[in-house]
Structures are given as C-alpha cells and as structure tokens.
Amino acid sequence: SEERKACWEARDLLWKCMDDHSDNVASCQRFQSAFE
C-alpha cells in the first residue's frame, strides 16, 4: 500500500506538471523520472 500510494502521488504530480506545461514532457523531466 505504501508503494502504491507513492506511485499514485508521483503520477499525480507528473500529470499536474504536464497540465501546467501544455503536455511538454521536457519541462517535467524530474517528475517523469520520479514516476518511473
């Protein structure tokens, strides 16, 4: 459950960053790395 929660939080942070930066993955690379 802790690993799932960490994964979902990383996903949510990445998606928020991508929403804020018009889906520009380069602007959200640190969130992408954390998600992966």
Full PDB file with SEQRES, HELIX, SHEET, SSBOND, CRYST1, ORIGX, SCALE, CONECT and MASTER records, all heavy atoms in Angstrom:
SEQRES   1 A   36  SER GLU GLU ARG LYS ALA CYS TRP GLU ALA ARG ASP LEU          
SEQRES   2 A   36  LEU TRP LYS CYS MET ASP ASP HIS SER ASP ASN VAL ALA          
SEQRES   3 A   36  SER CYS GLN ARG PHE GLN SER ALA PHE GLU                      
HELIX    1 AA1 GLU A    2  ASP A   20  1                                  19    
HELIX    2 AA2 VAL A   25  CYS A   28  5                                   4    
HELIX    3 AA3 GLN A   29  PHE A   35  1                                   7    
SSBOND   1 CYS A   17    CYS A   28                          1555   1555  2.04  
CRYST1    1.000    1.000    1.000  90.00  90.00  90.00 P 1           1          
ORIGX1      1.000000  0.000000  0.000000        0.00000                         
ORIGX2      0.000000  1.000000  0.000000        0.00000                         
ORIGX3      0.000000  0.000000  1.000000        0.00000                         
SCALE1      1.000000  0.000000  0.000000        0.00000                         
SCALE2      0.000000  1.000000  0.000000        0.00000                         
SCALE3      0.000000  0.000000  1.000000        0.00000                         
ATOM      1  N   SER A   1       0.818  -1.221   0.000  1.00  0.00           N  
ATOM      2  CA  SER A   1       0.000   0.000   0.000  1.00  0.00           C  
ATOM      3  C   SER A   1       0.848   1.266   0.000  1.00  0.00           C  
ATOM      4  O   SER A   1       0.493   2.249  -0.664  1.00  0.00           O  
ATOM      5  CB  SER A   1      -0.971   0.004   1.178  1.00  0.00           C  
ATOM      6  OG  SER A   1      -0.269   0.042   2.400  1.00  0.00           O  
ATOM      7  N   GLU A   2       1.977   1.261   0.681  1.00  0.00           N  
ATOM      8  CA  GLU A   2       2.854   2.445   0.695  1.00  0.00           C  
ATOM      9  C   GLU A   2       3.463   2.677  -0.690  1.00  0.00           C  
ATOM     10  O   GLU A   2       3.564   3.813  -1.147  1.00  0.00           O  
ATOM     11  CB  GLU A   2       3.959   2.285   1.742  1.00  0.00           C  
ATOM     12  CG  GLU A   2       3.462   2.390   3.161  1.00  0.00           C  
ATOM     13  CD  GLU A   2       2.825   3.742   3.474  1.00  0.00           C  
ATOM     14  OE1 GLU A   2       3.389   4.788   3.094  1.00  0.00           O  
ATOM     15  OE2 GLU A   2       1.739   3.754   4.096  1.00  0.00           O  
ATOM     16  N   GLU A   3       3.866   1.612  -1.349  1.00  0.00           N  
ATOM     17  CA  GLU A   3       4.444   1.731  -2.700  1.00  0.00           C  
ATOM     18  C   GLU A   3       3.390   2.197  -3.699  1.00  0.00           C  
ATOM     19  O   GLU A   3       3.679   3.012  -4.574  1.00  0.00           O  
ATOM     20  CB  GLU A   3       5.045   0.387  -3.130  1.00  0.00           C  
ATOM     21  CG  GLU A   3       6.265   0.002  -2.322  1.00  0.00           C  
ATOM     22  CD  GLU A   3       6.691  -1.439  -2.543  1.00  0.00           C  
ATOM     23  OE1 GLU A   3       5.825  -2.297  -2.857  1.00  0.00           O  
ATOM     24  OE2 GLU A   3       7.890  -1.706  -2.393  1.00  0.00           O  
ATOM     25  N   ARG A   4       2.168   1.687  -3.568  1.00  0.00           N  
ATOM     26  CA  ARG A   4       1.092   2.135  -4.465  1.00  0.00           C  
ATOM     27  C   ARG A   4       0.809   3.615  -4.257  1.00  0.00           C  
ATOM     28  O   ARG A   4       0.667   4.373  -5.222  1.00  0.00           O  
ATOM     29  CB  ARG A   4      -0.184   1.322  -4.219  1.00  0.00           C  
ATOM     30  CG  ARG A   4      -0.103  -0.098  -4.724  1.00  0.00           C  
ATOM     31  CD  ARG A   4      -1.458  -0.799  -4.718  1.00  0.00           C  
ATOM     32  NE  ARG A   4      -2.134  -0.778  -3.430  1.00  0.00           N  
ATOM     33  CZ  ARG A   4      -2.028  -1.714  -2.494  1.00  0.00           C  
ATOM     34  NH1 ARG A   4      -1.248  -2.763  -2.707  1.00  0.00           N  
ATOM     35  NH2 ARG A   4      -2.699  -1.607  -1.367  1.00  0.00           N  
ATOM     36  N   LYS A   5       0.740   4.033  -2.994  1.00  0.00           N  
ATOM     37  CA  LYS A   5       0.472   5.438  -2.687  1.00  0.00           C  
ATOM     38  C   LYS A   5       1.575   6.331  -3.257  1.00  0.00           C  
ATOM     39  O   LYS A   5       1.290   7.382  -3.846  1.00  0.00           O  
ATOM     40  CB  LYS A   5       0.361   5.631  -1.177  1.00  0.00           C  
ATOM     41  CG  LYS A   5      -0.023   7.025  -0.773  1.00  0.00           C  
ATOM     42  CD  LYS A   5      -0.197   7.152   0.739  1.00  0.00           C  
ATOM     43  CE  LYS A   5      -0.547   8.578   1.098  1.00  0.00           C  
ATOM     44  NZ  LYS A   5      -0.621   8.781   2.534  1.00  0.00           N  
ATOM     45  N   ALA A   6       2.834   5.928  -3.109  1.00  0.00           N  
ATOM     46  CA  ALA A   6       3.958   6.699  -3.652  1.00  0.00           C  
ATOM     47  C   ALA A   6       3.872   6.785  -5.171  1.00  0.00           C  
ATOM     48  O   ALA A   6       4.121   7.844  -5.765  1.00  0.00           O  
ATOM     49  CB  ALA A   6       5.283   6.072  -3.224  1.00  0.00           C  
ATOM     50  N   CYS A   7       3.484   5.687  -5.803  1.00  0.00           N  
ATOM     51  CA  CYS A   7       3.332   5.666  -7.270  1.00  0.00           C  
ATOM     52  C   CYS A   7       2.235   6.624  -7.703  1.00  0.00           C  
ATOM     53  O   CYS A   7       2.431   7.433  -8.617  1.00  0.00           O  
ATOM     54  CB  CYS A   7       3.030   4.247  -7.732  1.00  0.00           C  
ATOM     55  SG  CYS A   7       2.640   4.106  -9.494  1.00  0.00           S  
ATOM     56  N   TRP A   8       1.076   6.543  -7.070  1.00  0.00           N  
ATOM     57  CA  TRP A   8      -0.044   7.401  -7.448  1.00  0.00           C  
ATOM     58  C   TRP A   8       0.277   8.875  -7.223  1.00  0.00           C  
ATOM     59  O   TRP A   8      -0.100   9.723  -8.028  1.00  0.00           O  
ATOM     60  CB  TRP A   8      -1.304   7.009  -6.684  1.00  0.00           C  
ATOM     61  CG  TRP A   8      -1.799   5.634  -7.018  1.00  0.00           C  
ATOM     62  CD1 TRP A   8      -1.656   4.963  -8.201  1.00  0.00           C  
ATOM     63  CD2 TRP A   8      -2.516   4.746  -6.155  1.00  0.00           C  
ATOM     64  NE1 TRP A   8      -2.223   3.713  -8.126  1.00  0.00           N  
ATOM     65  CE2 TRP A   8      -2.776   3.547  -6.878  1.00  0.00           C  
ATOM     66  CE3 TRP A   8      -2.956   4.841  -4.844  1.00  0.00           C  
ATOM     67  CZ2 TRP A   8      -3.452   2.472  -6.336  1.00  0.00           C  
ATOM     68  CZ3 TRP A   8      -3.647   3.760  -4.301  1.00  0.00           C  
ATOM     69  CH2 TRP A   8      -3.875   2.597  -5.041  1.00  0.00           C  
ATOM     70  N   GLU A   9       0.991   9.184  -6.143  1.00  0.00           N  
ATOM     71  CA  GLU A   9       1.376  10.570  -5.889  1.00  0.00           C  
ATOM     72  C   GLU A   9       2.341  11.066  -6.962  1.00  0.00           C  
ATOM     73  O   GLU A   9       2.225  12.194  -7.447  1.00  0.00           O  
ATOM     74  CB  GLU A   9       1.981  10.716  -4.498  1.00  0.00           C  
ATOM     75  CG  GLU A   9       0.948  10.614  -3.394  1.00  0.00           C  
ATOM     76  CD  GLU A   9       1.544  10.619  -1.997  1.00  0.00           C  
ATOM     77  OE1 GLU A   9       2.790  10.689  -1.845  1.00  0.00           O  
ATOM     78  OE2 GLU A   9       0.752  10.550  -1.032  1.00  0.00           O  
ATOM     79  N   ALA A  10       3.310  10.217  -7.358  1.00  0.00           N  
ATOM     80  CA  ALA A  10       4.255  10.583  -8.414  1.00  0.00           C  
ATOM     81  C   ALA A  10       3.517  10.791  -9.739  1.00  0.00           C  
ATOM     82  O   ALA A  10       3.797  11.738 -10.478  1.00  0.00           O  
ATOM     83  CB  ALA A  10       5.328   9.502  -8.557  1.00  0.00           C  
ATOM     84  N   ARG A  11       2.552   9.929 -10.028  1.00  0.00           N  
ATOM     85  CA  ARG A  11       1.746  10.073 -11.246  1.00  0.00           C  
ATOM     86  C   ARG A  11       0.970  11.384 -11.224  1.00  0.00           C  
ATOM     87  O   ARG A  11       0.968  12.128 -12.213  1.00  0.00           O  
ATOM     88  CB  ARG A  11       0.765   8.901 -11.365  1.00  0.00           C  
ATOM     89  CG  ARG A  11      -0.186   9.026 -12.545  1.00  0.00           C  
ATOM     90  CD  ARG A  11      -1.471   8.272 -12.334  1.00  0.00           C  
ATOM     91  NE  ARG A  11      -2.174   8.736 -11.148  1.00  0.00           N  
ATOM     92  CZ  ARG A  11      -3.168   8.076 -10.574  1.00  0.00           C  
ATOM     93  NH1 ARG A  11      -3.567   6.922 -11.053  1.00  0.00           N  
ATOM     94  NH2 ARG A  11      -3.776   8.557  -9.506  1.00  0.00           N  
ATOM     95  N   ASP A  12       0.333  11.676 -10.100  1.00  0.00           N  
ATOM     96  CA  ASP A  12      -0.462  12.897  -9.995  1.00  0.00           C  
ATOM     97  C   ASP A  12       0.395  14.148 -10.154  1.00  0.00           C  
ATOM     98  O   ASP A  12      -0.018  15.110 -10.809  1.00  0.00           O  
ATOM     99  CB  ASP A  12      -1.222  12.932  -8.674  1.00  0.00           C  
ATOM    100  CG  ASP A  12      -2.294  11.850  -8.582  1.00  0.00           C  
ATOM    101  OD1 ASP A  12      -2.655  11.267  -9.627  1.00  0.00           O  
ATOM    102  OD2 ASP A  12      -2.768  11.586  -7.460  1.00  0.00           O  
ATOM    103  N   LEU A  13       1.594  14.135  -9.566  1.00  0.00           N  
ATOM    104  CA  LEU A  13       2.499  15.282  -9.706  1.00  0.00           C  
ATOM    105  C   LEU A  13       2.947  15.450 -11.154  1.00  0.00           C  
ATOM    106  O   LEU A  13       3.013  16.573 -11.668  1.00  0.00           O  
ATOM    107  CB  LEU A  13       3.710  15.126  -8.792  1.00  0.00           C  
ATOM    108  CG  LEU A  13       3.445  15.292  -7.304  1.00  0.00           C  
ATOM    109  CD1 LEU A  13       4.678  14.899  -6.489  1.00  0.00           C  
ATOM    110  CD2 LEU A  13       3.022  16.724  -6.983  1.00  0.00           C  
ATOM    111  N   LEU A  14       3.230  14.338 -11.824  1.00  0.00           N  
ATOM    112  CA  LEU A  14       3.618  14.407 -13.237  1.00  0.00           C  
ATOM    113  C   LEU A  14       2.471  14.945 -14.080  1.00  0.00           C  
ATOM    114  O   LEU A  14       2.667  15.843 -14.906  1.00  0.00           O  
ATOM    115  CB  LEU A  14       4.042  13.026 -13.746  1.00  0.00           C  
ATOM    116  CG  LEU A  14       4.296  12.938 -15.253  1.00  0.00           C  
ATOM    117  CD1 LEU A  14       5.445  13.849 -15.668  1.00  0.00           C  
ATOM    118  CD2 LEU A  14       4.554  11.499 -15.670  1.00  0.00           C  
ATOM    119  N   TRP A  15       1.276  14.422 -13.885  1.00  0.00           N  
ATOM    120  CA  TRP A  15       0.132  14.867 -14.686  1.00  0.00           C  
ATOM    121  C   TRP A  15      -0.170  16.342 -14.440  1.00  0.00           C  
ATOM    122  O   TRP A  15      -0.500  17.071 -15.365  1.00  0.00           O  
ATOM    123  CB  TRP A  15      -1.082  14.004 -14.393  1.00  0.00           C  
ATOM    124  CG  TRP A  15      -0.998  12.635 -15.008  1.00  0.00           C  
ATOM    125  CD1 TRP A  15       0.086  12.032 -15.581  1.00  0.00           C  
ATOM    126  CD2 TRP A  15      -2.061  11.689 -15.112  1.00  0.00           C  
ATOM    127  NE1 TRP A  15      -0.231  10.781 -16.017  1.00  0.00           N  
ATOM    128  CE2 TRP A  15      -1.540  10.534 -15.745  1.00  0.00           C  
ATOM    129  CE3 TRP A  15      -3.380  11.692 -14.708  1.00  0.00           C  
ATOM    130  CZ2 TRP A  15      -2.320   9.416 -16.009  1.00  0.00           C  
ATOM    131  CZ3 TRP A  15      -4.153  10.565 -14.971  1.00  0.00           C  
ATOM    132  CH2 TRP A  15      -3.626   9.446 -15.621  1.00  0.00           C  
ATOM    133  N   LYS A  16      -0.029  16.809 -13.206  1.00  0.00           N  
ATOM    134  CA  LYS A  16      -0.265  18.216 -12.911  1.00  0.00           C  
ATOM    135  C   LYS A  16       0.773  19.079 -13.629  1.00  0.00           C  
ATOM    136  O   LYS A  16       0.440  20.094 -14.230  1.00  0.00           O  
ATOM    137  CB  LYS A  16      -0.227  18.485 -11.408  1.00  0.00           C  
ATOM    138  CG  LYS A  16      -0.493  19.943 -11.070  1.00  0.00           C  
ATOM    139  CD  LYS A  16      -0.528  20.201  -9.602  1.00  0.00           C  
ATOM    140  CE  LYS A  16      -0.797  21.629  -9.215  1.00  0.00           C  
ATOM    141  NZ  LYS A  16      -0.678  22.649 -10.191  1.00  0.00           N  
ATOM    142  N   CYS A  17       2.024  18.657 -13.572  1.00  0.00           N  
ATOM    143  CA  CYS A  17       3.086  19.383 -14.262  1.00  0.00           C  
ATOM    144  C   CYS A  17       2.809  19.435 -15.763  1.00  0.00           C  
ATOM    145  O   CYS A  17       2.934  20.487 -16.390  1.00  0.00           O  
ATOM    146  CB  CYS A  17       4.439  18.727 -13.992  1.00  0.00           C  
ATOM    147  SG  CYS A  17       5.816  19.535 -14.835  1.00  0.00           S  
ATOM    148  N   MET A  18       2.414  18.306 -16.333  1.00  0.00           N  
ATOM    149  CA  MET A  18       2.142  18.270 -17.773  1.00  0.00           C  
ATOM    150  C   MET A  18       0.940  19.148 -18.126  1.00  0.00           C  
ATOM    151  O   MET A  18       0.937  19.808 -19.164  1.00  0.00           O  
ATOM    152  CB  MET A  18       1.961  16.834 -18.235  1.00  0.00           C  
ATOM    153  CG  MET A  18       3.280  16.066 -18.178  1.00  0.00           C  
ATOM    154  SD  MET A  18       3.176  14.365 -18.710  1.00  0.00           S  
ATOM    155  CE  MET A  18       2.865  14.562 -20.438  1.00  0.00           C  
ATOM    156  N   ASP A  19      -0.073  19.172 -17.265  1.00  0.00           N  
ATOM    157  CA  ASP A  19      -1.213  20.065 -17.495  1.00  0.00           C  
ATOM    158  C   ASP A  19      -0.766  21.525 -17.457  1.00  0.00           C  
ATOM    159  O   ASP A  19      -1.192  22.333 -18.276  1.00  0.00           O  
ATOM    160  CB  ASP A  19      -2.307  19.841 -16.448  1.00  0.00           C  
ATOM    161  CG  ASP A  19      -3.073  18.546 -16.659  1.00  0.00           C  
ATOM    162  OD1 ASP A  19      -3.022  17.992 -17.782  1.00  0.00           O  
ATOM    163  OD2 ASP A  19      -3.724  18.085 -15.698  1.00  0.00           O  
ATOM    164  N   ASP A  20       0.107  21.839 -16.510  1.00  0.00           N  
ATOM    165  CA  ASP A  20       0.587  23.218 -16.356  1.00  0.00           C  
ATOM    166  C   ASP A  20       1.524  23.648 -17.483  1.00  0.00           C  
ATOM    167  O   ASP A  20       1.675  24.843 -17.736  1.00  0.00           O  
ATOM    168  CB  ASP A  20       1.313  23.388 -15.017  1.00  0.00           C  
ATOM    169  CG  ASP A  20       0.379  23.255 -13.827  1.00  0.00           C  
ATOM    170  OD1 ASP A  20      -0.864  23.313 -14.014  1.00  0.00           O  
ATOM    171  OD2 ASP A  20       0.887  23.081 -12.693  1.00  0.00           O  
ATOM    172  N   HIS A  21       2.168  22.689 -18.140  1.00  0.00           N  
ATOM    173  CA  HIS A  21       3.142  22.994 -19.200  1.00  0.00           C  
ATOM    174  C   HIS A  21       2.701  22.479 -20.568  1.00  0.00           C  
ATOM    175  O   HIS A  21       3.542  22.151 -21.409  1.00  0.00           O  
ATOM    176  CB  HIS A  21       4.510  22.414 -18.839  1.00  0.00           C  
ATOM    177  CG  HIS A  21       5.143  23.071 -17.664  1.00  0.00           C  
ATOM    178  ND1 HIS A  21       5.016  22.585 -16.384  1.00  0.00           N  
ATOM    179  CD2 HIS A  21       5.883  24.204 -17.560  1.00  0.00           C  
ATOM    180  CE1 HIS A  21       5.658  23.374 -15.545  1.00  0.00           C  
ATOM    181  NE2 HIS A  21       6.192  24.374 -16.237  1.00  0.00           N  
ATOM    182  N   SER A  22       1.422  22.423 -20.808  1.00  0.00           N  
ATOM    183  CA  SER A  22       0.870  22.028 -22.120  1.00  0.00           C  
ATOM    184  C   SER A  22       1.444  20.715 -22.637  1.00  0.00           C  
ATOM    185  O   SER A  22       1.830  20.599 -23.797  1.00  0.00           O  
ATOM    186  CB  SER A  22       1.093  23.133 -23.140  1.00  0.00           C  
ATOM    187  OG  SER A  22       0.511  24.332 -22.711  1.00  0.00           O  
ATOM    188  N   ASP A  23       1.517  19.720 -21.752  1.00  0.00           N  
ATOM    189  CA  ASP A  23       1.999  18.381 -22.090  1.00  0.00           C  
ATOM    190  C   ASP A  23       3.436  18.334 -22.599  1.00  0.00           C  
ATOM    191  O   ASP A  23       3.817  17.426 -23.326  1.00  0.00           O  
ATOM    192  CB  ASP A  23       1.059  17.697 -23.094  1.00  0.00           C  
ATOM    193  CG  ASP A  23      -0.253  17.292 -22.463  1.00  0.00           C  
ATOM    194  OD1 ASP A  23      -0.267  17.046 -21.246  1.00  0.00           O  
ATOM    195  OD2 ASP A  23      -1.263  17.218 -23.185  1.00  0.00           O  
ATOM    196  N   ASN A  24       4.242  19.317 -22.211  1.00  0.00           N  
ATOM    197  CA  ASN A  24       5.657  19.336 -22.583  1.00  0.00           C  
ATOM    198  C   ASN A  24       6.432  18.465 -21.590  1.00  0.00           C  
ATOM    199  O   ASN A  24       6.716  18.890 -20.475  1.00  0.00           O  
ATOM    200  CB  ASN A  24       6.180  20.771 -22.584  1.00  0.00           C  
ATOM    201  CG  ASN A  24       7.610  20.870 -23.050  1.00  0.00           C  
ATOM    202  OD1 ASN A  24       8.292  19.863 -23.235  1.00  0.00           O  
ATOM    203  ND2 ASN A  24       8.090  22.083 -23.234  1.00  0.00           N  
ATOM    204  N   VAL A  25       6.789  17.272 -22.011  1.00  0.00           N  
ATOM    205  CA  VAL A  25       7.450  16.311 -21.131  1.00  0.00           C  
ATOM    206  C   VAL A  25       8.819  16.824 -20.693  1.00  0.00           C  
ATOM    207  O   VAL A  25       9.243  16.587 -19.564  1.00  0.00           O  
ATOM    208  CB  VAL A  25       7.581  14.930 -21.825  1.00  0.00           C  
ATOM    209  CG1 VAL A  25       8.329  13.938 -20.954  1.00  0.00           C  
ATOM    210  CG2 VAL A  25       6.215  14.385 -22.173  1.00  0.00           C  
ATOM    211  N   ALA A  26       9.514  17.564 -21.556  1.00  0.00           N  
ATOM    212  CA  ALA A  26      10.847  18.071 -21.217  1.00  0.00           C  
ATOM    213  C   ALA A  26      10.795  18.984 -19.992  1.00  0.00           C  
ATOM    214  O   ALA A  26      11.732  18.998 -19.183  1.00  0.00           O  
ATOM    215  CB  ALA A  26      11.443  18.806 -22.409  1.00  0.00           C  
ATOM    216  N   SER A  27       9.723  19.724 -19.833  1.00  0.00           N  
ATOM    217  CA  SER A  27       9.577  20.627 -18.684  1.00  0.00           C  
ATOM    218  C   SER A  27       9.308  19.866 -17.396  1.00  0.00           C  
ATOM    219  O   SER A  27       9.442  20.434 -16.310  1.00  0.00           O  
ATOM    220  CB  SER A  27       8.435  21.609 -18.919  1.00  0.00           C  
ATOM    221  OG  SER A  27       8.681  22.408 -20.037  1.00  0.00           O  
ATOM    222  N   CYS A  28       8.932  18.618 -17.501  1.00  0.00           N  
ATOM    223  CA  CYS A  28       8.539  17.823 -16.329  1.00  0.00           C  
ATOM    224  C   CYS A  28       9.435  16.603 -16.146  1.00  0.00           C  
ATOM    225  O   CYS A  28       9.014  15.601 -15.570  1.00  0.00           O  
ATOM    226  CB  CYS A  28       7.084  17.380 -16.482  1.00  0.00           C  
ATOM    227  SG  CYS A  28       5.949  18.752 -16.717  1.00  0.00           S  
ATOM    228  N   GLN A  29      10.671  16.692 -16.611  1.00  0.00           N  
ATOM    229  CA  GLN A  29      11.550  15.528 -16.619  1.00  0.00           C  
ATOM    230  C   GLN A  29      11.791  14.959 -15.222  1.00  0.00           C  
ATOM    231  O   GLN A  29      11.800  13.750 -15.039  1.00  0.00           O  
ATOM    232  CB  GLN A  29      12.885  15.867 -17.285  1.00  0.00           C  
ATOM    233  CG  GLN A  29      13.735  14.649 -17.564  1.00  0.00           C  
ATOM    234  CD  GLN A  29      13.023  13.606 -18.412  1.00  0.00           C  
ATOM    235  OE1 GLN A  29      12.445  13.916 -19.446  1.00  0.00           O  
ATOM    236  NE2 GLN A  29      13.031  12.364 -17.979  1.00  0.00           N  
ATOM    237  N   ARG A  30      11.936  15.835 -14.218  1.00  0.00           N  
ATOM    238  CA  ARG A  30      12.193  15.297 -12.875  1.00  0.00           C  
ATOM    239  C   ARG A  30      10.979  14.549 -12.339  1.00  0.00           C  
ATOM    240  O   ARG A  30      11.114  13.540 -11.648  1.00  0.00           O  
ATOM    241  CB  ARG A  30      12.655  16.376 -11.913  1.00  0.00           C  
ATOM    242  CG  ARG A  30      11.607  17.332 -11.471  1.00  0.00           C  
ATOM    243  CD  ARG A  30      12.185  18.411 -10.549  1.00  0.00           C  
ATOM    244  NE  ARG A  30      11.100  19.313 -10.190  1.00  0.00           N  
ATOM    245  CZ  ARG A  30      10.701  19.514  -8.949  1.00  0.00           C  
ATOM    246  NH1 ARG A  30      11.305  18.925  -7.954  1.00  0.00           N  
ATOM    247  NH2 ARG A  30       9.697  20.319  -8.702  1.00  0.00           N  
ATOM    248  N   PHE A  31       9.763  15.011 -12.698  1.00  0.00           N  
ATOM    249  CA  PHE A  31       8.549  14.311 -12.284  1.00  0.00           C  
ATOM    250  C   PHE A  31       8.413  12.991 -13.045  1.00  0.00           C  
ATOM    251  O   PHE A  31       7.968  11.988 -12.487  1.00  0.00           O  
ATOM    252  CB  PHE A  31       7.314  15.183 -12.506  1.00  0.00           C  
ATOM    253  CG  PHE A  31       7.271  16.396 -11.628  1.00  0.00           C  
ATOM    254  CD1 PHE A  31       7.488  17.658 -12.157  1.00  0.00           C  
ATOM    255  CD2 PHE A  31       7.026  16.291 -10.270  1.00  0.00           C  
ATOM    256  CE1 PHE A  31       7.452  18.790 -11.352  1.00  0.00           C  
ATOM    257  CE2 PHE A  31       6.988  17.404  -9.447  1.00  0.00           C  
ATOM    258  CZ  PHE A  31       7.208  18.660  -9.997  1.00  0.00           C  
ATOM    259  N   GLN A  32       8.798  13.004 -14.326  1.00  0.00           N  
ATOM    260  CA  GLN A  32       8.763  11.786 -15.143  1.00  0.00           C  
ATOM    261  C   GLN A  32       9.711  10.739 -14.552  1.00  0.00           C  
ATOM    262  O   GLN A  32       9.348   9.575 -14.431  1.00  0.00           O  
ATOM    263  CB  GLN A  32       9.151  12.099 -16.591  1.00  0.00           C  
ATOM    264  CG  GLN A  32       9.136  10.897 -17.521  1.00  0.00           C  
ATOM    265  CD  GLN A  32       7.743  10.386 -17.837  1.00  0.00           C  
ATOM    266  OE1 GLN A  32       6.809  11.172 -17.948  1.00  0.00           O  
ATOM    267  NE2 GLN A  32       7.610   9.097 -17.995  1.00  0.00           N  
ATOM    268  N   SER A  33      10.904  11.166 -14.166  1.00  0.00           N  
ATOM    269  CA  SER A  33      11.881  10.237 -13.580  1.00  0.00           C  
ATOM    270  C   SER A  33      11.368   9.662 -12.262  1.00  0.00           C  
ATOM    271  O   SER A  33      11.499   8.452 -12.016  1.00  0.00           O  
ATOM    272  CB  SER A  33      13.208  10.944 -13.359  1.00  0.00           C  
ATOM    273  OG  SER A  33      13.757  11.345 -14.591  1.00  0.00           O  
ATOM    274  N   ALA A  34      10.789  10.509 -11.427  1.00  0.00           N  
ATOM    275  CA  ALA A  34      10.246  10.039 -10.147  1.00  0.00           C  
ATOM    276  C   ALA A  34       9.112   9.053 -10.379  1.00  0.00           C  
ATOM    277  O   ALA A  34       9.016   8.020  -9.703  1.00  0.00           O  
ATOM    278  CB  ALA A  34       9.764  11.220  -9.314  1.00  0.00           C  
ATOM    279  N   PHE A  35       8.254   9.351 -11.342  1.00  0.00           N  
ATOM    280  CA  PHE A  35       7.142   8.469 -11.697  1.00  0.00           C  
ATOM    281  C   PHE A  35       7.668   7.099 -12.119  1.00  0.00           C  
ATOM    282  O   PHE A  35       7.193   6.064 -11.652  1.00  0.00           O  
ATOM    283  CB  PHE A  35       6.330   9.135 -12.807  1.00  0.00           C  
ATOM    284  CG  PHE A  35       5.235   8.306 -13.409  1.00  0.00           C  
ATOM    285  CD1 PHE A  35       4.227   7.753 -12.637  1.00  0.00           C  
ATOM    286  CD2 PHE A  35       5.182   8.104 -14.779  1.00  0.00           C  
ATOM    287  CE1 PHE A  35       3.202   7.009 -13.206  1.00  0.00           C  
ATOM    288  CE2 PHE A  35       4.170   7.367 -15.360  1.00  0.00           C  
ATOM    289  CZ  PHE A  35       3.181   6.815 -14.572  1.00  0.00           C  
ATOM    290  N   GLU A  36       8.674   7.086 -12.989  1.00  0.00           N  
ATOM    291  CA  GLU A  36       9.226   5.825 -13.479  1.00  0.00           C  
ATOM    292  C   GLU A  36       9.959   5.062 -12.379  1.00  0.00           C  
ATOM    293  O   GLU A  36       9.970   3.831 -12.379  1.00  0.00           O  
ATOM    294  CB  GLU A  36      10.138   6.084 -14.669  1.00  0.00           C  
ATOM    295  CG  GLU A  36       9.375   6.546 -15.891  1.00  0.00           C  
ATOM    296  CD  GLU A  36      10.261   6.965 -17.048  1.00  0.00           C  
ATOM    297  OE1 GLU A  36      11.503   6.915 -16.927  1.00  0.00           O  
ATOM    298  OE2 GLU A  36       9.694   7.369 -18.086  1.00  0.00           O  
TER     299      GLU A  36                                                      
CONECT  147  227                                                                
CONECT  227  147                                                                
MASTER        0    0    0    3    0    0    0    6  298    1    2    3          
END                                                                             
